[in-house]
N, C-alpha and C. Protein backbone atom coordinates (compact mmCIF):
# COMPACT_ATOMS: atom_id res chain seq x y z
N MET A 1 104.29 88.50 68.18
CA MET A 1 104.87 87.78 69.00
C MET A 1 106.34 87.60 69.21
N SER A 2 107.12 87.78 67.95
CA SER A 2 108.17 87.96 67.84
C SER A 2 108.92 88.82 69.23
N ASN A 3 108.76 89.34 68.95
CA ASN A 3 109.29 90.22 70.33
C ASN A 3 109.00 90.01 71.37
N PHE A 4 107.91 89.33 71.94
CA PHE A 4 107.61 88.46 73.43
C PHE A 4 108.50 87.42 73.46
N ALA A 5 108.52 86.60 72.20
CA ALA A 5 109.84 85.48 72.69
C ALA A 5 111.11 85.85 72.57
N LEU A 6 111.39 87.16 71.91
CA LEU A 6 112.85 87.73 72.19
C LEU A 6 113.06 88.02 73.45
N GLY A 7 111.97 88.80 74.03
CA GLY A 7 111.94 89.20 75.25
C GLY A 7 112.43 88.01 76.40
N VAL A 8 111.78 86.52 76.31
CA VAL A 8 111.68 85.73 77.05
C VAL A 8 113.23 85.49 76.91
N ILE A 9 113.85 85.21 75.59
CA ILE A 9 114.94 84.29 75.32
C ILE A 9 116.05 85.32 76.16
N LYS A 10 115.62 86.58 75.66
CA LYS A 10 116.83 87.58 76.72
C LYS A 10 116.49 87.50 78.31
N PHE A 11 115.45 87.13 78.52
CA PHE A 11 114.99 87.04 80.19
C PHE A 11 116.19 85.64 80.46
N GLN A 12 115.86 84.88 79.95
CA GLN A 12 116.60 83.59 79.99
C GLN A 12 118.19 83.31 80.28
N ARG A 13 118.51 84.25 78.89
CA ARG A 13 119.98 83.91 78.90
C ARG A 13 120.82 85.19 79.82
N GLU A 14 119.93 86.26 80.30
CA GLU A 14 121.00 87.42 80.54
C GLU A 14 120.21 87.81 82.20
N VAL A 15 118.94 88.33 82.06
CA VAL A 15 118.08 88.71 83.20
C VAL A 15 118.27 87.24 84.40
N PHE A 16 117.70 86.11 84.06
CA PHE A 16 117.64 85.17 85.18
C PHE A 16 118.79 85.00 85.63
N PRO A 17 119.99 84.54 85.12
CA PRO A 17 121.43 84.36 85.68
C PRO A 17 121.59 85.41 86.65
N GLU A 18 121.48 86.97 86.27
CA GLU A 18 121.88 87.81 87.31
C GLU A 18 121.02 87.87 88.46
N LYS A 19 119.98 87.24 88.48
CA LYS A 19 119.09 87.19 89.49
C LYS A 19 118.75 85.76 90.24
N GLN A 20 119.23 84.71 89.83
CA GLN A 20 119.22 83.28 90.13
C GLN A 20 119.04 83.17 91.45
N ALA A 21 119.57 83.43 92.52
CA ALA A 21 119.38 83.66 93.53
C ALA A 21 117.92 84.01 94.28
N LEU A 22 117.60 85.30 93.71
CA LEU A 22 116.34 85.68 94.07
C LEU A 22 115.66 84.78 93.47
N PHE A 23 115.17 83.97 92.22
CA PHE A 23 114.36 83.15 91.81
C PHE A 23 114.53 81.59 92.54
N GLU A 24 115.33 81.38 92.72
CA GLU A 24 115.68 80.43 94.00
C GLU A 24 114.97 80.36 94.95
N ARG A 25 115.26 81.38 95.70
CA ARG A 25 114.81 81.61 96.87
C ARG A 25 112.75 81.50 96.98
N LEU A 26 112.49 82.18 95.87
CA LEU A 26 111.26 82.72 95.36
C LEU A 26 110.70 81.44 94.82
N SER A 27 111.17 80.20 94.43
CA SER A 27 110.89 78.65 94.07
C SER A 27 110.24 78.18 95.41
N THR A 28 110.44 78.93 96.25
CA THR A 28 110.32 77.84 97.87
C THR A 28 109.08 78.51 98.47
N GLY A 29 108.71 79.77 98.00
CA GLY A 29 107.21 80.44 98.81
C GLY A 29 107.58 81.97 98.20
N GLN A 30 106.39 82.24 98.59
CA GLN A 30 106.49 84.16 98.58
C GLN A 30 105.58 85.03 99.68
N SER A 31 106.02 86.02 100.13
CA SER A 31 105.81 86.75 101.19
C SER A 31 105.78 88.35 100.54
N PRO A 32 104.99 88.45 100.14
CA PRO A 32 104.63 89.91 99.31
C PRO A 32 104.44 90.89 100.58
N GLU A 33 104.97 92.25 100.14
CA GLU A 33 104.86 93.27 101.11
C GLU A 33 103.41 93.87 101.01
N ALA A 34 102.90 93.91 99.49
CA ALA A 34 101.69 94.67 99.38
C ALA A 34 100.66 93.66 98.37
N LEU A 35 99.72 93.67 98.55
CA LEU A 35 98.27 93.41 97.29
C LEU A 35 98.08 94.63 96.83
N PHE A 36 98.69 94.87 95.47
CA PHE A 36 98.49 95.86 94.58
C PHE A 36 97.18 95.45 93.63
N ILE A 37 96.27 96.54 93.78
CA ILE A 37 95.07 96.43 92.80
C ILE A 37 95.25 97.48 92.00
N THR A 38 95.00 97.39 90.74
CA THR A 38 95.23 98.34 89.68
C THR A 38 94.64 97.99 88.41
N CYS A 39 94.34 98.88 87.74
CA CYS A 39 93.91 98.47 86.48
C CYS A 39 94.50 97.61 85.57
N SER A 40 93.82 97.14 84.35
CA SER A 40 94.19 96.36 83.21
C SER A 40 95.22 96.69 82.33
N ASP A 41 94.71 98.08 82.31
CA ASP A 41 95.60 99.02 81.36
C ASP A 41 97.22 98.52 80.92
N SER A 42 97.13 98.47 79.80
CA SER A 42 98.43 98.24 79.53
C SER A 42 99.67 99.24 79.41
N ARG A 43 99.35 100.37 79.92
CA ARG A 43 100.38 101.22 80.52
C ARG A 43 100.53 101.27 81.59
N ILE A 44 99.86 100.67 82.61
CA ILE A 44 100.37 100.41 83.95
C ILE A 44 101.83 99.38 84.24
N GLU A 45 102.77 99.65 84.40
CA GLU A 45 103.75 99.06 84.44
C GLU A 45 104.19 98.70 86.31
N THR A 46 103.71 98.14 86.66
CA THR A 46 103.83 98.01 88.28
C THR A 46 104.92 97.79 89.00
N ALA A 47 106.04 97.12 88.09
CA ALA A 47 107.36 97.13 88.50
C ALA A 47 108.15 97.78 88.31
N MET A 48 107.87 98.66 87.35
CA MET A 48 108.60 100.05 87.17
C MET A 48 108.15 101.00 87.82
N LEU A 49 106.65 101.22 88.15
CA LEU A 49 106.05 102.17 88.71
C LEU A 49 106.74 102.03 90.34
N THR A 50 107.04 100.86 90.94
CA THR A 50 107.30 100.89 92.30
C THR A 50 108.43 100.49 92.24
N GLN A 51 109.38 99.94 91.49
CA GLN A 51 110.80 99.51 91.61
C GLN A 51 111.10 98.75 92.64
N THR A 52 110.05 97.37 92.26
CA THR A 52 109.88 96.47 93.15
C THR A 52 110.39 94.98 92.09
N ASP A 53 111.12 94.22 92.93
CA ASP A 53 111.42 93.06 92.31
C ASP A 53 110.55 91.91 92.34
N PRO A 54 110.29 90.71 91.45
CA PRO A 54 109.64 89.78 91.96
C PRO A 54 109.34 89.11 92.91
N GLY A 55 108.23 88.78 93.80
CA GLY A 55 107.90 88.39 94.97
C GLY A 55 107.30 89.36 95.87
N GLU A 56 107.50 90.71 95.45
CA GLU A 56 107.13 91.98 96.50
C GLU A 56 105.95 92.35 96.31
N LEU A 57 105.10 92.38 95.12
CA LEU A 57 104.05 92.61 95.21
C LEU A 57 103.14 91.74 94.55
N PHE A 58 101.79 91.56 95.06
CA PHE A 58 100.86 90.22 94.84
C PHE A 58 99.91 91.01 94.05
N ILE A 59 100.01 90.95 92.60
CA ILE A 59 98.89 92.30 92.03
C ILE A 59 97.57 91.10 91.57
N LEU A 60 96.57 92.44 91.42
CA LEU A 60 95.72 91.97 91.09
C LEU A 60 94.97 93.19 89.75
N ARG A 61 94.77 92.89 88.91
CA ARG A 61 94.13 93.63 87.71
C ARG A 61 93.03 93.66 87.32
N ASN A 62 92.09 94.55 87.12
CA ASN A 62 91.10 94.26 86.39
C ASN A 62 90.73 95.88 85.53
N ALA A 63 89.57 96.11 85.00
CA ALA A 63 89.33 97.22 84.36
C ALA A 63 88.91 98.20 85.44
N GLY A 64 89.58 99.21 85.86
CA GLY A 64 89.04 100.25 86.67
C GLY A 64 89.75 99.97 87.91
N ASN A 65 90.45 98.71 88.16
CA ASN A 65 90.66 98.78 89.68
C ASN A 65 89.84 98.52 91.00
N ILE A 66 88.60 98.11 90.39
CA ILE A 66 87.62 97.65 91.09
C ILE A 66 87.61 96.66 92.02
N VAL A 67 86.97 97.04 93.28
CA VAL A 67 86.96 95.90 94.32
C VAL A 67 85.66 95.68 94.39
N PRO A 68 84.63 94.67 93.84
CA PRO A 68 83.31 94.64 94.53
C PRO A 68 83.04 94.59 95.76
N PRO A 69 81.54 94.92 96.65
CA PRO A 69 81.60 94.59 97.79
C PRO A 69 81.54 93.28 97.98
N HIS A 70 81.95 92.93 98.91
CA HIS A 70 81.72 90.95 99.21
C HIS A 70 80.01 90.69 99.22
N THR A 71 79.91 89.78 98.59
CA THR A 71 78.71 88.59 98.59
C THR A 71 78.99 87.43 98.78
N LYS A 72 78.28 86.57 99.00
CA LYS A 72 78.26 84.95 98.48
C LYS A 72 78.64 84.71 97.48
N GLN A 73 78.86 85.49 96.37
CA GLN A 73 79.27 85.16 94.96
C GLN A 73 80.49 85.01 94.83
N THR A 74 80.91 83.76 94.92
CA THR A 74 82.28 83.88 94.43
C THR A 74 83.14 84.58 93.13
N GLY A 75 83.67 85.32 93.19
CA GLY A 75 84.63 85.86 91.58
C GLY A 75 86.07 85.89 91.82
N GLY A 76 87.25 86.18 90.93
CA GLY A 76 88.49 86.23 91.11
C GLY A 76 89.04 87.44 91.65
N VAL A 77 88.34 88.36 92.08
CA VAL A 77 88.66 89.51 92.91
C VAL A 77 88.22 89.10 94.59
N THR A 78 87.35 88.72 94.61
CA THR A 78 87.28 88.19 95.91
C THR A 78 87.90 86.80 96.36
N ALA A 79 88.09 86.38 95.84
CA ALA A 79 89.33 85.21 96.03
C ALA A 79 90.51 85.47 96.04
N SER A 80 91.04 86.38 95.15
CA SER A 80 92.18 86.95 95.32
C SER A 80 92.51 87.88 96.52
N ILE A 81 91.66 88.52 97.26
CA ILE A 81 92.06 89.40 98.47
C ILE A 81 91.61 88.28 99.54
N GLU A 82 90.94 87.34 99.67
CA GLU A 82 90.95 86.28 100.65
C GLU A 82 92.06 85.69 100.71
N PHE A 83 92.47 85.42 99.76
CA PHE A 83 93.97 84.30 99.56
C PHE A 83 95.00 85.16 100.21
N ALA A 84 95.47 86.65 99.63
CA ALA A 84 96.22 87.35 99.89
C ALA A 84 96.39 87.68 101.35
N ILE A 85 94.95 88.38 101.86
CA ILE A 85 95.19 88.30 103.38
C ILE A 85 95.02 87.50 104.49
N GLY A 86 93.94 86.70 103.82
CA GLY A 86 93.81 85.19 105.00
C GLY A 86 94.92 84.45 104.79
N ALA A 87 95.65 84.07 103.64
CA ALA A 87 96.48 83.05 103.36
C ALA A 87 97.93 83.46 103.83
N LEU A 88 98.46 84.72 103.12
CA LEU A 88 99.43 84.87 102.76
C LEU A 88 99.45 86.21 103.84
N GLN A 89 98.59 86.76 104.60
CA GLN A 89 98.57 87.70 105.80
C GLN A 89 99.59 88.89 104.94
N ILE A 90 99.22 89.60 104.06
CA ILE A 90 99.99 90.69 103.50
C ILE A 90 99.95 91.89 104.24
N PRO A 91 100.39 92.93 104.34
CA PRO A 91 100.32 93.76 105.07
C PRO A 91 99.97 95.19 104.59
N HIS A 92 99.90 95.31 103.43
CA HIS A 92 99.33 96.35 103.03
C HIS A 92 98.70 96.03 101.73
N ILE A 93 97.32 96.96 101.66
CA ILE A 93 96.73 96.96 100.07
C ILE A 93 96.75 98.59 99.60
N VAL A 94 96.85 98.52 98.56
CA VAL A 94 97.34 99.73 97.53
C VAL A 94 96.29 99.28 96.41
N ILE A 95 95.17 100.44 96.23
CA ILE A 95 94.36 100.60 94.95
C ILE A 95 95.03 101.89 94.82
N CYS A 96 95.17 101.29 93.33
CA CYS A 96 95.86 102.33 92.37
C CYS A 96 94.89 102.59 90.92
N GLY A 97 94.68 104.01 91.03
CA GLY A 97 93.67 104.29 89.55
C GLY A 97 94.79 104.80 88.77
N HIS A 98 94.21 105.75 87.46
CA HIS A 98 95.64 106.08 86.76
C HIS A 98 94.67 107.08 85.82
N THR A 99 95.20 108.14 85.50
CA THR A 99 94.85 109.11 84.65
C THR A 99 94.77 108.33 82.97
N GLU A 100 93.65 108.83 82.26
CA GLU A 100 93.16 108.30 80.78
C GLU A 100 92.45 107.24 81.13
N CYS A 101 92.04 107.12 81.65
CA CYS A 101 91.38 105.34 82.17
C CYS A 101 90.27 105.33 81.88
N GLY A 102 90.46 103.93 80.20
CA GLY A 102 89.03 103.96 79.77
C GLY A 102 87.82 103.47 80.56
N ALA A 103 88.20 102.93 81.23
CA ALA A 103 86.85 102.16 82.42
C ALA A 103 86.39 103.28 83.07
N MET A 104 86.96 104.73 83.61
CA MET A 104 86.40 105.30 84.49
C MET A 104 85.71 106.44 83.17
N LYS A 105 85.84 106.57 81.77
CA LYS A 105 85.54 107.16 80.85
C LYS A 105 84.28 106.61 80.71
N GLY A 106 84.33 105.33 80.45
CA GLY A 106 83.17 104.33 80.09
C GLY A 106 81.95 104.78 81.33
N ALA A 107 82.18 104.58 82.59
CA ALA A 107 81.74 104.87 84.03
C ALA A 107 80.79 106.15 83.45
N MET A 108 81.21 107.01 82.95
CA MET A 108 81.02 108.38 83.17
C MET A 108 79.85 108.48 82.23
N ASN A 109 80.14 107.70 80.71
CA ASN A 109 79.20 107.31 79.76
C ASN A 109 78.89 106.02 79.13
N PRO A 110 77.77 105.25 80.25
CA PRO A 110 77.35 103.92 80.13
C PRO A 110 76.57 103.85 78.99
N ALA A 111 76.00 104.95 78.20
CA ALA A 111 75.08 104.44 77.12
C ALA A 111 76.20 104.18 75.85
N GLY A 112 77.40 104.95 75.84
CA GLY A 112 78.30 104.10 74.88
C GLY A 112 78.77 102.61 75.23
N LEU A 113 78.44 102.20 75.96
CA LEU A 113 78.97 100.45 76.41
C LEU A 113 77.91 99.77 76.02
N THR A 114 76.82 99.95 75.00
CA THR A 114 75.88 99.45 74.84
C THR A 114 76.24 98.10 73.74
N ASN A 115 77.17 98.10 73.44
CA ASN A 115 78.04 96.65 72.70
C ASN A 115 78.95 95.98 73.78
N LEU A 116 79.13 96.44 74.87
CA LEU A 116 80.14 95.60 75.75
C LEU A 116 79.13 95.28 77.00
N PRO A 117 78.22 94.95 76.99
CA PRO A 117 77.35 94.43 78.20
C PRO A 117 78.06 94.14 79.47
N HIS A 118 79.21 93.32 79.69
CA HIS A 118 79.65 92.81 80.81
C HIS A 118 80.57 94.13 81.28
N VAL A 119 81.37 95.08 80.33
CA VAL A 119 81.93 95.89 80.93
C VAL A 119 80.98 96.94 81.63
N ARG A 120 79.79 97.29 80.95
CA ARG A 120 78.78 98.06 81.68
C ARG A 120 78.54 97.83 82.79
N GLU A 121 78.19 96.22 82.81
CA GLU A 121 77.93 95.81 84.59
C GLU A 121 78.82 95.79 85.28
N TRP A 122 80.10 95.85 84.67
CA TRP A 122 81.36 95.58 85.63
C TRP A 122 81.64 96.67 86.35
N LEU A 123 81.24 97.79 85.70
CA LEU A 123 81.41 99.49 85.85
C LEU A 123 80.17 99.99 86.87
N GLY A 124 79.37 99.19 86.91
CA GLY A 124 78.32 99.50 87.96
C GLY A 124 78.98 99.62 89.51
N PHE A 125 80.03 98.91 89.43
CA PHE A 125 80.99 98.79 90.77
C PHE A 125 81.48 100.24 91.17
N ALA A 126 81.40 101.38 90.00
CA ALA A 126 81.99 102.53 90.16
C ALA A 126 80.82 103.59 90.30
N GLN A 127 79.54 102.96 89.91
CA GLN A 127 78.42 104.31 90.35
C GLN A 127 78.37 105.06 91.67
N GLY A 128 78.59 104.70 92.56
CA GLY A 128 78.59 105.53 93.86
C GLY A 128 79.97 106.71 93.40
N ALA A 129 80.94 106.43 92.82
CA ALA A 129 81.83 107.46 92.57
C ALA A 129 81.63 108.20 91.48
N VAL A 130 80.81 108.14 90.39
CA VAL A 130 80.03 108.52 89.05
C VAL A 130 79.02 109.59 89.91
N ASP A 131 78.46 109.14 90.72
CA ASP A 131 77.32 109.86 91.75
C ASP A 131 77.95 110.96 92.50
N ILE A 132 78.93 110.84 93.09
CA ILE A 132 79.09 111.87 93.88
C ILE A 132 80.27 112.94 92.80
N THR A 133 80.99 112.46 91.63
CA THR A 133 81.59 113.53 90.96
C THR A 133 80.53 114.17 90.19
N GLU A 134 79.31 113.56 89.77
CA GLU A 134 78.17 114.54 88.94
C GLU A 134 77.81 115.55 90.08
N ALA A 135 77.50 115.11 91.50
CA ALA A 135 76.90 115.89 92.38
C ALA A 135 78.22 117.44 92.88
N LEU A 136 79.15 116.56 92.89
CA LEU A 136 80.52 117.81 93.74
C LEU A 136 80.97 118.48 92.35
N GLY A 137 81.02 117.93 91.14
CA GLY A 137 81.78 118.43 90.25
C GLY A 137 81.08 119.03 88.96
N ALA A 138 79.87 119.32 89.18
CA ALA A 138 78.83 119.92 88.17
C ALA A 138 79.64 120.94 87.36
N GLY A 139 80.36 122.14 87.90
CA GLY A 139 80.90 123.71 86.99
C GLY A 139 82.33 122.95 86.89
N LEU A 140 82.95 121.97 86.93
CA LEU A 140 84.03 121.73 86.76
C LEU A 140 84.27 121.24 85.37
N ASP A 141 85.49 121.76 84.68
CA ASP A 141 85.89 121.27 83.34
C ASP A 141 86.03 119.86 83.50
N ALA A 142 85.77 119.12 82.13
CA ALA A 142 86.21 117.70 82.00
C ALA A 142 86.99 117.37 82.28
N ASP A 143 88.24 118.02 82.31
CA ASP A 143 89.45 116.91 82.94
C ASP A 143 89.75 117.20 84.40
N THR A 144 89.11 118.27 84.99
CA THR A 144 89.25 118.56 86.39
C THR A 144 88.25 117.44 86.97
N LYS A 145 87.00 117.18 86.21
CA LYS A 145 85.94 116.48 86.57
C LYS A 145 86.25 114.77 86.66
N MET A 146 87.15 114.52 85.69
CA MET A 146 87.49 113.32 85.43
C MET A 146 88.83 112.85 86.56
N ARG A 147 89.60 113.81 86.83
CA ARG A 147 90.46 113.51 87.81
C ARG A 147 89.42 113.49 89.39
N MET A 148 88.67 114.15 89.34
CA MET A 148 88.01 113.83 90.57
C MET A 148 87.28 112.28 90.78
N LEU A 149 86.91 112.22 89.33
CA LEU A 149 86.41 110.59 89.43
C LEU A 149 87.39 109.52 89.51
N LEU A 150 88.28 109.41 89.12
CA LEU A 150 89.47 108.80 89.48
C LEU A 150 89.78 108.65 91.19
N GLU A 151 89.84 109.77 91.77
CA GLU A 151 89.96 109.74 93.12
C GLU A 151 88.69 109.31 93.84
N GLN A 152 87.76 109.46 93.21
CA GLN A 152 86.39 109.21 94.24
C GLN A 152 86.16 107.70 93.93
N ASN A 153 86.85 107.19 92.80
CA ASN A 153 86.60 105.69 92.37
C ASN A 153 87.49 105.01 93.37
N VAL A 154 89.01 105.46 93.58
CA VAL A 154 89.78 104.62 94.30
C VAL A 154 89.02 104.82 95.98
N ILE A 155 88.65 106.00 96.21
CA ILE A 155 87.99 105.84 97.59
C ILE A 155 86.87 104.86 97.75
N LEU A 156 86.04 105.00 96.87
CA LEU A 156 84.59 104.14 96.79
C LEU A 156 85.30 102.60 97.14
N GLN A 157 86.22 102.24 96.03
CA GLN A 157 86.95 100.61 96.47
C GLN A 157 87.68 100.52 97.48
N LEU A 158 88.22 101.27 97.96
CA LEU A 158 88.70 101.25 99.18
C LEU A 158 87.41 100.94 100.65
N GLN A 159 86.41 101.68 100.16
CA GLN A 159 85.15 101.66 101.16
C GLN A 159 84.50 99.86 100.78
N HIS A 160 84.68 99.28 99.63
CA HIS A 160 84.29 98.13 99.17
C HIS A 160 85.19 97.15 99.78
N LEU A 161 86.64 97.50 99.42
CA LEU A 161 87.65 96.53 100.32
C LEU A 161 87.10 96.12 101.50
N ARG A 162 86.79 97.40 102.41
CA ARG A 162 86.52 97.06 104.00
C ARG A 162 85.38 95.80 104.36
N THR A 163 84.56 95.69 103.46
CA THR A 163 83.19 94.74 103.54
C THR A 163 83.96 92.93 103.48
N HIS A 164 85.10 92.95 102.78
CA HIS A 164 85.71 91.57 102.63
C HIS A 164 86.02 91.08 104.02
N PRO A 165 85.59 89.89 104.46
CA PRO A 165 85.34 89.55 105.69
C PRO A 165 87.25 89.29 106.20
N THR A 166 87.81 88.81 105.64
CA THR A 166 89.21 88.75 105.89
C THR A 166 90.09 89.97 106.01
N VAL A 167 89.63 91.20 104.94
CA VAL A 167 90.25 92.29 105.36
C VAL A 167 89.58 93.28 106.41
N ALA A 168 88.43 92.71 106.86
CA ALA A 168 87.53 93.60 108.16
C ALA A 168 88.52 92.87 109.13
N VAL A 169 88.42 91.62 109.18
CA VAL A 169 89.51 91.22 110.74
C VAL A 169 90.71 91.24 110.64
N ALA A 170 91.41 91.82 109.64
CA ALA A 170 92.90 92.61 109.46
C ALA A 170 93.24 93.55 110.05
N LEU A 171 92.06 94.82 109.46
CA LEU A 171 91.93 95.94 110.12
C LEU A 171 91.62 96.11 111.34
N ALA A 172 90.50 95.33 112.06
CA ALA A 172 90.40 95.33 113.67
C ALA A 172 91.70 94.70 114.33
N GLN A 173 92.24 93.93 113.86
CA GLN A 173 93.67 93.56 114.45
C GLN A 173 95.06 94.31 114.13
N LYS A 174 94.50 95.39 113.30
CA LYS A 174 95.55 96.25 112.85
C LYS A 174 96.90 95.48 112.26
N SER A 175 96.51 94.56 111.17
CA SER A 175 97.60 93.66 110.82
C SER A 175 97.65 93.89 109.19
N VAL A 176 96.84 94.74 108.76
CA VAL A 176 96.98 95.54 107.54
C VAL A 176 96.53 96.93 107.26
N LYS A 177 97.35 97.38 106.15
CA LYS A 177 96.96 98.88 106.08
C LYS A 177 96.30 99.22 104.84
N LEU A 178 95.65 100.14 104.40
CA LEU A 178 94.67 100.23 103.17
C LEU A 178 95.70 101.65 102.67
N HIS A 179 95.45 102.04 101.38
CA HIS A 179 96.44 102.71 100.41
C HIS A 179 95.53 103.10 99.25
N GLY A 180 95.38 104.34 99.12
CA GLY A 180 94.75 104.59 97.76
C GLY A 180 95.79 105.36 97.23
N TRP A 181 95.81 105.11 95.68
CA TRP A 181 96.60 105.82 94.52
C TRP A 181 96.02 106.08 93.56
N VAL A 182 96.66 107.64 92.71
CA VAL A 182 96.22 107.37 91.35
C VAL A 182 97.65 107.92 90.73
N TYR A 183 98.08 107.26 89.73
CA TYR A 183 98.96 107.49 88.85
C TYR A 183 98.79 108.26 87.82
N ASP A 184 99.61 109.58 87.42
CA ASP A 184 99.48 110.42 85.90
C ASP A 184 100.29 109.40 85.34
N ILE A 185 99.85 109.09 83.99
CA ILE A 185 100.72 108.26 83.15
C ILE A 185 101.68 109.58 82.49
N LYS A 186 101.56 110.96 82.17
CA LYS A 186 101.77 111.82 81.23
C LYS A 186 103.31 112.24 82.46
N THR A 187 102.81 112.45 83.72
CA THR A 187 104.10 113.05 84.28
C THR A 187 104.47 112.10 85.02
N GLY A 188 104.01 110.95 85.46
CA GLY A 188 104.93 110.02 85.97
C GLY A 188 104.49 110.47 87.86
N GLU A 189 103.68 111.31 88.23
CA GLU A 189 103.09 111.74 89.45
C GLU A 189 102.69 110.70 90.09
N VAL A 190 102.71 110.46 91.32
CA VAL A 190 101.75 109.32 91.76
C VAL A 190 101.21 110.33 93.23
N SER A 191 99.56 110.36 93.11
CA SER A 191 99.04 110.87 94.70
C SER A 191 98.70 109.78 95.37
N ALA A 192 98.76 110.12 96.54
CA ALA A 192 98.14 108.88 97.51
C ALA A 192 97.13 109.78 98.54
N PHE A 193 96.06 109.19 98.74
CA PHE A 193 94.91 109.54 99.92
C PHE A 193 95.46 109.72 101.07
N ASP A 194 95.08 111.01 101.74
CA ASP A 194 95.53 110.91 103.29
C ASP A 194 94.33 110.59 103.92
N GLU A 195 94.13 109.73 104.53
CA GLU A 195 92.71 109.51 104.91
C GLU A 195 92.30 110.45 106.23
N ALA A 196 93.23 111.02 107.21
CA ALA A 196 93.42 111.78 108.59
C ALA A 196 92.62 113.38 107.57
N SER A 197 93.33 113.69 106.68
CA SER A 197 92.85 115.01 105.96
C SER A 197 91.82 114.89 105.23
N GLY A 198 92.00 113.64 104.34
CA GLY A 198 90.71 113.50 103.36
C GLY A 198 90.97 114.17 102.25
N THR A 199 92.48 114.32 102.17
CA THR A 199 92.85 115.07 100.68
C THR A 199 94.04 113.79 100.02
N TRP A 200 94.69 114.36 98.67
CA TRP A 200 95.58 113.90 97.88
C TRP A 200 96.57 114.79 97.95
N VAL A 201 97.44 113.82 98.46
CA VAL A 201 99.32 114.63 98.18
C VAL A 201 99.68 113.89 97.70
N PRO A 202 101.15 114.30 97.21
CA PRO A 202 101.69 113.84 96.78
C PRO A 202 102.64 112.43 97.30
N VAL A 203 103.20 111.08 96.76
CA VAL A 203 103.86 110.05 97.44
C VAL A 203 104.54 110.57 98.50
N GLU A 204 105.57 111.45 97.90
CA GLU A 204 106.80 111.49 98.77
C GLU A 204 106.15 112.52 100.20
N GLU A 205 105.18 112.95 100.08
CA GLU A 205 104.76 114.05 100.86
C GLU A 205 103.94 112.57 102.50
N ARG A 206 103.26 112.32 101.69
CA ARG A 206 102.21 110.94 102.52
C ARG A 206 102.84 110.09 102.86
N TYR A 207 104.18 109.40 102.42
CA TYR A 207 105.01 108.57 103.18
C TYR A 207 106.65 109.33 103.46
N ALA A 208 106.52 110.52 103.76
CA ALA A 208 107.76 110.97 104.05
C ALA A 208 108.71 110.21 105.36
N SER A 209 107.81 110.18 106.81
CA SER A 209 108.66 109.37 107.64
C SER A 209 109.19 108.27 107.14
N GLU A 210 107.90 107.17 106.42
CA GLU A 210 108.57 105.97 106.17
C GLU A 210 109.84 105.83 104.70
N VAL A 211 109.29 106.99 104.34
CA VAL A 211 110.60 107.27 103.06
C VAL A 211 112.07 107.36 103.83
N ALA A 212 112.29 108.34 104.55
CA ALA A 212 113.34 108.82 105.82
C ALA A 212 114.07 107.81 106.17
N SER A 213 113.12 106.79 106.85
CA SER A 213 113.98 106.07 107.64
C SER A 213 114.16 104.78 106.73
N ALA A 214 113.35 104.50 105.70
CA ALA A 214 113.84 103.37 104.28
C ALA A 214 115.52 104.03 104.19
N MET A 215 115.35 105.19 103.79
CA MET A 215 117.00 105.88 103.20
C MET A 215 117.79 105.65 104.36
N VAL A 216 117.71 105.88 105.54
CA VAL A 216 118.68 105.69 106.49
C VAL A 216 118.95 104.30 106.53
N ALA A 217 118.37 103.61 106.59
CA ALA A 217 118.31 101.86 106.58
C ALA A 217 119.16 101.47 105.37
N ASN A 218 118.59 102.18 104.39
CA ASN A 218 119.14 101.70 103.11
C ASN A 218 121.26 101.75 103.15
N HIS A 219 121.11 103.43 103.85
CA HIS A 219 122.44 104.00 103.88
C HIS A 219 123.15 103.19 104.82
N ALA A 220 122.53 102.69 105.74
CA ALA A 220 123.38 101.75 107.11
C ALA A 220 123.72 100.29 106.26
N CYS A 221 123.35 99.73 105.48
CA CYS A 221 123.42 98.54 104.68
C CYS A 221 124.85 98.81 103.60
């Protein structure tokens, strides 16, 4: 804990004073640009990955970046989604999977989760992705098969997301857009799902027009 305490002290003495105006503005409310749903894995650093400041991302993390289909049963994921879209009216939702995901390895081998009954039950929400991967990737090597599972899980969770009432309404009103990403820890590459083509492409390709517009705007400033 000593390193964490030192980090807090450094934040208070060095980082906070440099960004004091930002934190003063944030103290009055938040208006994030995206709900970012990703894994609890400690190797995923959302601010570093997206180069965002506090207040820009509304972050929801759990094992396997899972979104259970909507039911009447209340849970933290459901409540967070409802608040993000229903109250904050966030215009983008990103579901971001990642390589070397322990949750997805567990989903592929549920027999190894005997001593983790809650994890095993939770990963049942990824079963559809496992079944698709087993059907389509029967002849693939282990690494390629796992990559397929990571991608299929993100697609499945995007489908689950659409069952949540606030999301369904926002999609009907065209006030929210859904995004699926997979982050490669080793290479730093991020692939994005292109729903129109049903393929995964690099982020710079998927968002080429948006990135170009942002670069022009930043240059103008």
